[in-house]
Amino acid sequence: MRTLILAALVVIATPAAARAEVGIGMFLGEPLGVDVKIDLQRRQALDLLFGVVSIRDRDYSYGHVTYLVTAGVGRGRTVLVPLRLGIGAAMFGVVEGDVNIAARAPLEIALLFRRAPLEIYGEIALKLTFVREDGGDTALDADGGIGLRFYFL
């Protein structure tokens, strides 16, 4: 978790483009948490999520940092529909003393409204847990859900 917080602080402190946008919102699903998306360049962003994840009927603290690239954008009259691919890392169970570390690869599709600073998005991510608190083998899993972000300049 400390590594995720340090990475977030480094990115926030890094000079960015003059029109960098920050989106803050909620992600509902697996994991459940507060989401922050920071635009780095025109089609690149950093996504941070802090919350909880349920594993074997137990809640664990959760955090991830994901680098997102917009692969394409559909354009409607009232919405943009970006398709984003990403790569990142997740840590969960740190607060509880059960450290798990995973690599994650999400696919995200969104509805970004043209006249409102609002985005509704869905995400599914493959998660490969390679450091497990129980010392078990590497585990492949899928996470997903829907989210809502409000954007600020």
N, C-alpha and C. Protein backbone atom coordinates (compact mmCIF):
# COMPACT_ATOMS: atom_id res chain seq x y z
N MET A 1 0.83 -1.19 0.00
CA MET A 1 0.00 0.00 0.00
C MET A 1 0.87 1.25 0.00
N ARG A 2 1.98 1.20 0.73
CA ARG A 2 2.90 2.35 0.75
C ARG A 2 3.45 2.62 -0.64
N THR A 3 3.73 1.55 -1.39
CA THR A 3 4.24 1.70 -2.74
C THR A 3 3.21 2.38 -3.63
N LEU A 4 1.94 2.00 -3.50
CA LEU A 4 0.89 2.63 -4.29
C LEU A 4 0.75 4.11 -3.96
N ILE A 5 0.80 4.43 -2.69
CA ILE A 5 0.68 5.83 -2.26
C ILE A 5 1.87 6.63 -2.77
N LEU A 6 3.08 6.07 -2.67
CA LEU A 6 4.28 6.75 -3.17
C LEU A 6 4.18 6.97 -4.67
N ALA A 7 3.73 5.97 -5.42
CA ALA A 7 3.58 6.11 -6.87
C ALA A 7 2.57 7.21 -7.21
N ALA A 8 1.48 7.26 -6.47
CA ALA A 8 0.46 8.29 -6.70
C ALA A 8 1.03 9.68 -6.44
N LEU A 9 1.79 9.84 -5.38
CA LEU A 9 2.38 11.14 -5.06
C LEU A 9 3.39 11.57 -6.12
N VAL A 10 4.16 10.65 -6.63
CA VAL A 10 5.14 10.98 -7.68
C VAL A 10 4.42 11.45 -8.94
N VAL A 11 3.36 10.77 -9.32
CA VAL A 11 2.62 11.15 -10.52
C VAL A 11 1.94 12.50 -10.33
N ILE A 12 1.36 12.71 -9.18
CA ILE A 12 0.68 13.98 -8.93
C ILE A 12 1.67 15.13 -8.93
N ALA A 13 2.88 14.91 -8.43
CA ALA A 13 3.89 15.96 -8.36
C ALA A 13 4.59 16.18 -9.69
N THR A 14 4.45 15.27 -10.65
CA THR A 14 5.09 15.40 -11.95
C THR A 14 4.37 16.44 -12.79
N PRO A 15 5.12 17.37 -13.43
CA PRO A 15 4.46 18.35 -14.29
C PRO A 15 3.72 17.65 -15.43
N ALA A 16 2.52 18.10 -15.70
CA ALA A 16 1.71 17.50 -16.75
C ALA A 16 1.31 18.56 -17.76
N ALA A 17 0.59 18.15 -18.77
CA ALA A 17 0.11 19.07 -19.78
C ALA A 17 -0.78 20.14 -19.15
N ALA A 18 -0.87 21.29 -19.80
CA ALA A 18 -1.63 22.41 -19.25
C ALA A 18 -3.11 22.07 -19.07
N ARG A 19 -3.64 21.14 -19.85
CA ARG A 19 -5.06 20.82 -19.79
C ARG A 19 -5.30 19.45 -19.12
N ALA A 20 -4.50 19.12 -18.17
CA ALA A 20 -4.67 17.83 -17.49
C ALA A 20 -5.98 17.84 -16.72
N GLU A 21 -6.73 16.77 -16.87
CA GLU A 21 -7.99 16.62 -16.16
C GLU A 21 -7.84 15.57 -15.08
N VAL A 22 -8.60 15.75 -14.02
CA VAL A 22 -8.62 14.79 -12.93
C VAL A 22 -10.08 14.39 -12.72
N GLY A 23 -10.32 13.09 -12.74
CA GLY A 23 -11.66 12.57 -12.49
C GLY A 23 -11.68 11.83 -11.17
N ILE A 24 -12.68 12.12 -10.34
CA ILE A 24 -12.81 11.49 -9.03
C ILE A 24 -14.20 10.86 -8.96
N GLY A 25 -14.26 9.63 -8.46
CA GLY A 25 -15.56 8.98 -8.37
C GLY A 25 -15.52 7.69 -7.59
N MET A 26 -16.50 6.84 -7.86
CA MET A 26 -16.66 5.56 -7.17
C MET A 26 -16.66 4.43 -8.18
N PHE A 27 -16.10 3.30 -7.76
CA PHE A 27 -16.15 2.07 -8.55
C PHE A 27 -16.92 1.05 -7.74
N LEU A 28 -17.96 0.49 -8.34
CA LEU A 28 -18.82 -0.49 -7.67
C LEU A 28 -18.64 -1.85 -8.35
N GLY A 29 -18.23 -2.80 -7.58
CA GLY A 29 -17.99 -4.14 -8.10
C GLY A 29 -16.90 -4.79 -7.28
N GLU A 30 -16.04 -5.49 -7.95
CA GLU A 30 -14.92 -6.14 -7.30
C GLU A 30 -13.65 -5.62 -7.93
N PRO A 31 -12.96 -4.67 -7.34
CA PRO A 31 -13.08 -4.12 -5.99
C PRO A 31 -14.14 -3.01 -5.90
N LEU A 32 -14.37 -2.58 -4.68
CA LEU A 32 -15.26 -1.47 -4.37
C LEU A 32 -14.40 -0.36 -3.80
N GLY A 33 -14.48 0.85 -4.36
CA GLY A 33 -13.64 1.90 -3.80
C GLY A 33 -13.76 3.24 -4.47
N VAL A 34 -12.90 4.15 -4.02
CA VAL A 34 -12.79 5.50 -4.55
C VAL A 34 -11.78 5.46 -5.70
N ASP A 35 -12.17 6.04 -6.83
CA ASP A 35 -11.36 6.02 -8.03
C ASP A 35 -10.88 7.42 -8.39
N VAL A 36 -9.61 7.54 -8.77
CA VAL A 36 -9.06 8.81 -9.24
C VAL A 36 -8.37 8.53 -10.58
N LYS A 37 -8.77 9.26 -11.63
CA LYS A 37 -8.14 9.12 -12.95
C LYS A 37 -7.48 10.45 -13.28
N ILE A 38 -6.19 10.38 -13.60
CA ILE A 38 -5.40 11.57 -13.90
C ILE A 38 -4.91 11.47 -15.34
N ASP A 39 -5.34 12.42 -16.19
CA ASP A 39 -4.87 12.44 -17.57
C ASP A 39 -3.41 12.86 -17.60
N LEU A 40 -2.59 12.10 -18.30
CA LEU A 40 -1.18 12.41 -18.43
C LEU A 40 -0.89 13.12 -19.74
N GLN A 41 -1.42 12.59 -20.83
CA GLN A 41 -1.31 13.17 -22.15
C GLN A 41 -2.63 12.94 -22.86
N ARG A 42 -2.67 13.25 -24.15
CA ARG A 42 -3.94 13.20 -24.89
C ARG A 42 -4.68 11.88 -24.74
N ARG A 43 -4.05 10.76 -24.89
CA ARG A 43 -4.72 9.45 -24.82
C ARG A 43 -4.11 8.54 -23.77
N GLN A 44 -3.51 9.13 -22.74
CA GLN A 44 -2.87 8.36 -21.68
C GLN A 44 -3.31 8.88 -20.33
N ALA A 45 -3.51 7.96 -19.40
CA ALA A 45 -3.97 8.36 -18.07
C ALA A 45 -3.46 7.38 -17.02
N LEU A 46 -3.52 7.82 -15.80
CA LEU A 46 -3.19 6.97 -14.67
C LEU A 46 -4.44 6.82 -13.83
N ASP A 47 -4.79 5.59 -13.49
CA ASP A 47 -5.98 5.31 -12.70
C ASP A 47 -5.55 4.76 -11.34
N LEU A 48 -6.05 5.36 -10.27
CA LEU A 48 -5.76 4.92 -8.90
C LEU A 48 -7.07 4.55 -8.23
N LEU A 49 -7.06 3.45 -7.51
CA LEU A 49 -8.26 3.05 -6.79
C LEU A 49 -7.86 2.59 -5.40
N PHE A 50 -8.60 3.05 -4.41
CA PHE A 50 -8.38 2.67 -3.02
C PHE A 50 -9.71 2.21 -2.45
N GLY A 51 -9.74 1.00 -1.90
CA GLY A 51 -11.00 0.48 -1.38
C GLY A 51 -10.85 -0.87 -0.73
N VAL A 52 -11.83 -1.75 -0.99
CA VAL A 52 -11.85 -3.08 -0.40
C VAL A 52 -12.16 -4.12 -1.47
N VAL A 53 -11.71 -5.34 -1.22
CA VAL A 53 -11.99 -6.47 -2.09
C VAL A 53 -12.38 -7.65 -1.20
N SER A 54 -13.31 -8.47 -1.67
CA SER A 54 -13.74 -9.64 -0.89
C SER A 54 -13.06 -10.89 -1.43
N ILE A 55 -12.40 -11.61 -0.56
CA ILE A 55 -11.74 -12.86 -0.92
C ILE A 55 -12.14 -13.90 0.12
N ARG A 56 -12.68 -15.00 -0.36
CA ARG A 56 -13.11 -16.10 0.53
C ARG A 56 -13.96 -15.57 1.69
N ASP A 57 -14.98 -14.78 1.36
CA ASP A 57 -15.93 -14.24 2.35
C ASP A 57 -15.29 -13.35 3.40
N ARG A 58 -14.19 -12.70 3.06
CA ARG A 58 -13.52 -11.78 3.98
C ARG A 58 -13.11 -10.53 3.20
N ASP A 59 -13.30 -9.36 3.80
CA ASP A 59 -12.93 -8.10 3.16
C ASP A 59 -11.47 -7.76 3.46
N TYR A 60 -10.76 -7.34 2.40
CA TYR A 60 -9.37 -6.91 2.52
C TYR A 60 -9.23 -5.50 1.97
N SER A 61 -8.28 -4.74 2.53
CA SER A 61 -7.96 -3.45 1.95
C SER A 61 -7.40 -3.68 0.55
N TYR A 62 -7.60 -2.71 -0.34
CA TYR A 62 -7.20 -2.89 -1.73
C TYR A 62 -6.75 -1.56 -2.30
N GLY A 63 -5.77 -1.61 -3.19
CA GLY A 63 -5.34 -0.43 -3.94
C GLY A 63 -4.71 -0.87 -5.24
N HIS A 64 -4.94 -0.08 -6.30
CA HIS A 64 -4.23 -0.37 -7.55
C HIS A 64 -3.83 0.91 -8.26
N VAL A 65 -2.79 0.79 -9.06
CA VAL A 65 -2.32 1.84 -9.95
C VAL A 65 -2.29 1.22 -11.34
N THR A 66 -2.96 1.86 -12.30
CA THR A 66 -3.04 1.32 -13.65
C THR A 66 -2.75 2.43 -14.66
N TYR A 67 -1.89 2.12 -15.61
CA TYR A 67 -1.60 3.01 -16.73
C TYR A 67 -2.59 2.67 -17.84
N LEU A 68 -3.39 3.65 -18.27
CA LEU A 68 -4.42 3.43 -19.28
C LEU A 68 -4.07 4.13 -20.58
N VAL A 69 -4.33 3.46 -21.69
CA VAL A 69 -4.17 4.04 -23.02
C VAL A 69 -5.52 3.95 -23.72
N THR A 70 -5.96 5.05 -24.32
CA THR A 70 -7.21 5.06 -25.06
C THR A 70 -6.93 4.53 -26.46
N ALA A 71 -7.45 3.34 -26.75
CA ALA A 71 -7.20 2.69 -28.03
C ALA A 71 -8.07 3.25 -29.15
N GLY A 72 -9.22 3.77 -28.80
CA GLY A 72 -10.12 4.35 -29.80
C GLY A 72 -11.26 5.08 -29.12
N VAL A 73 -11.91 5.96 -29.87
CA VAL A 73 -13.02 6.74 -29.32
C VAL A 73 -14.16 6.77 -30.33
N GLY A 74 -15.33 6.27 -29.92
CA GLY A 74 -16.53 6.42 -30.72
C GLY A 74 -17.14 7.78 -30.40
N ARG A 75 -17.74 8.42 -31.40
CA ARG A 75 -18.27 9.77 -31.20
C ARG A 75 -19.76 9.82 -31.52
N GLY A 76 -20.52 10.22 -30.52
CA GLY A 76 -21.95 10.42 -30.70
C GLY A 76 -22.26 11.90 -30.55
N ARG A 77 -23.51 12.27 -30.74
CA ARG A 77 -23.88 13.69 -30.60
C ARG A 77 -23.70 14.19 -29.18
N THR A 78 -24.05 13.37 -28.19
CA THR A 78 -24.00 13.83 -26.80
C THR A 78 -22.93 13.15 -25.95
N VAL A 79 -22.33 12.07 -26.49
CA VAL A 79 -21.32 11.34 -25.72
C VAL A 79 -20.13 10.95 -26.58
N LEU A 80 -19.01 10.76 -25.91
CA LEU A 80 -17.84 10.10 -26.48
C LEU A 80 -17.80 8.72 -25.84
N VAL A 81 -17.31 7.73 -26.58
CA VAL A 81 -17.25 6.36 -26.07
C VAL A 81 -15.80 5.86 -26.20
N PRO A 82 -14.97 6.19 -25.20
CA PRO A 82 -13.58 5.73 -25.26
C PRO A 82 -13.44 4.26 -24.87
N LEU A 83 -12.54 3.58 -25.55
CA LEU A 83 -12.15 2.21 -25.23
C LEU A 83 -10.71 2.29 -24.73
N ARG A 84 -10.49 1.84 -23.50
CA ARG A 84 -9.18 1.96 -22.88
C ARG A 84 -8.63 0.58 -22.51
N LEU A 85 -7.33 0.43 -22.71
CA LEU A 85 -6.60 -0.76 -22.30
C LEU A 85 -5.56 -0.34 -21.28
N GLY A 86 -5.22 -1.22 -20.35
CA GLY A 86 -4.27 -0.82 -19.32
C GLY A 86 -3.39 -1.94 -18.83
N ILE A 87 -2.40 -1.53 -18.05
CA ILE A 87 -1.51 -2.45 -17.35
C ILE A 87 -1.17 -1.80 -16.01
N GLY A 88 -1.11 -2.60 -14.97
CA GLY A 88 -0.84 -2.01 -13.67
C GLY A 88 -0.55 -3.04 -12.61
N ALA A 89 -0.58 -2.58 -11.36
CA ALA A 89 -0.30 -3.43 -10.21
C ALA A 89 -1.34 -3.17 -9.14
N ALA A 90 -1.62 -4.22 -8.36
CA ALA A 90 -2.57 -4.12 -7.26
C ALA A 90 -1.95 -4.73 -6.01
N MET A 91 -2.32 -4.16 -4.87
CA MET A 91 -1.93 -4.72 -3.57
C MET A 91 -3.20 -4.84 -2.74
N PHE A 92 -3.34 -5.94 -2.05
CA PHE A 92 -4.50 -6.08 -1.17
C PHE A 92 -4.11 -6.87 0.06
N GLY A 93 -4.85 -6.61 1.16
CA GLY A 93 -4.58 -7.27 2.43
C GLY A 93 -3.45 -6.67 3.23
N VAL A 94 -2.92 -5.53 2.81
CA VAL A 94 -1.77 -4.92 3.50
C VAL A 94 -2.16 -4.47 4.91
N VAL A 95 -3.29 -3.79 5.04
CA VAL A 95 -3.73 -3.29 6.35
C VAL A 95 -3.96 -4.45 7.33
N GLU A 96 -4.44 -5.56 6.82
CA GLU A 96 -4.73 -6.72 7.66
C GLU A 96 -3.48 -7.57 7.95
N GLY A 97 -2.34 -7.21 7.34
CA GLY A 97 -1.11 -7.97 7.53
C GLY A 97 -0.97 -9.17 6.61
N ASP A 98 -1.85 -9.28 5.61
CA ASP A 98 -1.82 -10.37 4.64
C ASP A 98 -1.50 -9.80 3.27
N VAL A 99 -0.22 -9.56 2.98
CA VAL A 99 0.17 -8.87 1.75
C VAL A 99 0.02 -9.78 0.54
N ASN A 100 -0.73 -9.29 -0.45
CA ASN A 100 -0.90 -9.94 -1.75
C ASN A 100 -0.56 -8.89 -2.81
N ILE A 101 0.19 -9.30 -3.83
CA ILE A 101 0.57 -8.39 -4.91
C ILE A 101 0.19 -9.04 -6.23
N ALA A 102 -0.40 -8.23 -7.12
CA ALA A 102 -0.87 -8.76 -8.39
C ALA A 102 -0.57 -7.80 -9.53
N ALA A 103 -0.44 -8.35 -10.72
CA ALA A 103 -0.41 -7.56 -11.95
C ALA A 103 -1.83 -7.57 -12.49
N ARG A 104 -2.24 -6.46 -13.12
CA ARG A 104 -3.60 -6.41 -13.65
C ARG A 104 -3.61 -5.81 -15.05
N ALA A 105 -4.54 -6.26 -15.87
CA ALA A 105 -4.69 -5.79 -17.25
C ALA A 105 -6.18 -5.54 -17.51
N PRO A 106 -6.63 -4.29 -17.38
CA PRO A 106 -8.05 -3.99 -17.56
C PRO A 106 -8.41 -3.62 -19.00
N LEU A 107 -9.68 -3.83 -19.31
CA LEU A 107 -10.33 -3.34 -20.52
C LEU A 107 -11.49 -2.49 -20.02
N GLU A 108 -11.53 -1.23 -20.45
CA GLU A 108 -12.53 -0.28 -19.95
C GLU A 108 -13.25 0.36 -21.12
N ILE A 109 -14.57 0.48 -21.02
CA ILE A 109 -15.36 1.22 -22.00
C ILE A 109 -16.21 2.22 -21.22
N ALA A 110 -16.33 3.43 -21.78
CA ALA A 110 -16.98 4.50 -21.02
C ALA A 110 -17.96 5.29 -21.88
N LEU A 111 -18.83 6.01 -21.21
CA LEU A 111 -19.67 7.04 -21.80
C LEU A 111 -19.25 8.35 -21.17
N LEU A 112 -18.58 9.18 -21.95
CA LEU A 112 -18.08 10.47 -21.48
C LEU A 112 -18.98 11.55 -22.08
N PHE A 113 -19.76 12.20 -21.23
CA PHE A 113 -20.75 13.16 -21.70
C PHE A 113 -20.09 14.45 -22.18
N ARG A 114 -20.53 14.95 -23.32
CA ARG A 114 -19.93 16.16 -23.91
C ARG A 114 -20.30 17.43 -23.15
N ARG A 115 -21.50 17.50 -22.59
CA ARG A 115 -21.96 18.74 -21.97
C ARG A 115 -21.90 18.72 -20.45
N ALA A 116 -21.38 17.67 -19.89
CA ALA A 116 -21.26 17.56 -18.43
C ALA A 116 -19.92 16.90 -18.10
N PRO A 117 -19.28 17.31 -17.02
CA PRO A 117 -17.99 16.71 -16.65
C PRO A 117 -18.18 15.36 -15.95
N LEU A 118 -18.85 14.44 -16.64
CA LEU A 118 -19.27 13.18 -16.04
C LEU A 118 -18.93 12.02 -16.97
N GLU A 119 -18.50 10.91 -16.38
CA GLU A 119 -18.21 9.71 -17.13
C GLU A 119 -18.76 8.50 -16.38
N ILE A 120 -19.46 7.63 -17.10
CA ILE A 120 -19.91 6.34 -16.58
C ILE A 120 -19.11 5.30 -17.34
N TYR A 121 -18.53 4.34 -16.62
CA TYR A 121 -17.67 3.37 -17.30
C TYR A 121 -17.83 1.98 -16.71
N GLY A 122 -17.48 1.01 -17.52
CA GLY A 122 -17.45 -0.38 -17.08
C GLY A 122 -16.05 -0.92 -17.32
N GLU A 123 -15.62 -1.81 -16.45
CA GLU A 123 -14.26 -2.34 -16.56
C GLU A 123 -14.26 -3.82 -16.20
N ILE A 124 -13.45 -4.57 -16.94
CA ILE A 124 -13.16 -5.94 -16.58
C ILE A 124 -11.63 -6.07 -16.65
N ALA A 125 -11.06 -6.73 -15.66
CA ALA A 125 -9.60 -6.82 -15.60
C ALA A 125 -9.16 -8.23 -15.24
N LEU A 126 -8.15 -8.70 -15.93
CA LEU A 126 -7.49 -9.93 -15.53
C LEU A 126 -6.47 -9.58 -14.46
N LYS A 127 -6.42 -10.37 -13.41
CA LYS A 127 -5.52 -10.10 -12.29
C LYS A 127 -4.71 -11.35 -12.01
N LEU A 128 -3.40 -11.23 -12.08
CA LEU A 128 -2.49 -12.35 -11.82
C LEU A 128 -1.80 -12.09 -10.49
N THR A 129 -2.22 -12.80 -9.45
CA THR A 129 -1.64 -12.63 -8.11
C THR A 129 -0.40 -13.51 -8.02
N PHE A 130 0.77 -12.86 -7.88
CA PHE A 130 2.02 -13.62 -7.86
C PHE A 130 2.68 -13.63 -6.49
N VAL A 131 2.26 -12.77 -5.57
CA VAL A 131 2.70 -12.83 -4.17
C VAL A 131 1.44 -13.02 -3.34
N ARG A 132 1.33 -14.17 -2.69
CA ARG A 132 0.13 -14.49 -1.92
C ARG A 132 0.47 -14.66 -0.45
N GLU A 133 -0.42 -14.16 0.41
CA GLU A 133 -0.21 -14.22 1.85
C GLU A 133 -0.17 -15.65 2.36
N ASP A 134 -0.85 -16.54 1.68
CA ASP A 134 -0.88 -17.93 2.14
C ASP A 134 0.26 -18.76 1.54
N GLY A 135 1.14 -18.11 0.75
CA GLY A 135 2.26 -18.81 0.16
C GLY A 135 1.86 -19.73 -0.98
N GLY A 136 0.63 -19.63 -1.43
CA GLY A 136 0.14 -20.49 -2.50
C GLY A 136 0.71 -20.14 -3.86
N ASP A 137 0.32 -20.93 -4.85
CA ASP A 137 0.77 -20.72 -6.21
C ASP A 137 0.17 -19.44 -6.80
N THR A 138 0.71 -19.03 -7.91
CA THR A 138 0.20 -17.89 -8.66
C THR A 138 -1.27 -18.16 -9.03
N ALA A 139 -2.10 -17.11 -8.91
CA ALA A 139 -3.54 -17.28 -9.18
C ALA A 139 -4.00 -16.25 -10.21
N LEU A 140 -4.77 -16.71 -11.19
CA LEU A 140 -5.36 -15.85 -12.20
C LEU A 140 -6.83 -15.66 -11.86
N ASP A 141 -7.27 -14.40 -11.86
CA ASP A 141 -8.63 -14.06 -11.48
C ASP A 141 -9.11 -12.93 -12.37
N ALA A 142 -10.39 -12.65 -12.36
CA ALA A 142 -10.97 -11.52 -13.08
C ALA A 142 -11.74 -10.64 -12.10
N ASP A 143 -11.59 -9.34 -12.26
CA ASP A 143 -12.33 -8.35 -11.49
C ASP A 143 -13.15 -7.52 -12.46
N GLY A 144 -14.13 -6.82 -11.93
CA GLY A 144 -14.90 -5.95 -12.80
C GLY A 144 -16.00 -5.22 -12.06
N GLY A 145 -16.59 -4.28 -12.77
CA GLY A 145 -17.69 -3.51 -12.20
C GLY A 145 -17.97 -2.28 -13.04
N ILE A 146 -18.73 -1.36 -12.44
CA ILE A 146 -19.05 -0.10 -13.10
C ILE A 146 -18.61 1.05 -12.21
N GLY A 147 -18.37 2.20 -12.83
CA GLY A 147 -17.91 3.35 -12.07
C GLY A 147 -18.50 4.63 -12.59
N LEU A 148 -18.35 5.66 -11.80
CA LEU A 148 -18.82 7.00 -12.11
C LEU A 148 -17.73 7.97 -11.71
N ARG A 149 -17.33 8.86 -12.64
CA ARG A 149 -16.30 9.87 -12.35
C ARG A 149 -16.83 11.25 -12.68
N PHE A 150 -16.48 12.22 -11.85
CA PHE A 150 -16.71 13.63 -12.10
C PHE A 150 -15.36 14.25 -12.40
N TYR A 151 -15.27 15.08 -13.44
CA TYR A 151 -13.99 15.64 -13.88
C TYR A 151 -13.81 17.09 -13.45
N PHE A 152 -12.55 17.40 -13.12
CA PHE A 152 -12.13 18.75 -12.76
C PHE A 152 -10.94 19.09 -13.64
N LEU A 153 -10.78 20.35 -14.02
CA LEU A 153 -9.61 20.77 -14.81
C LEU A 153 -8.44 21.06 -13.89
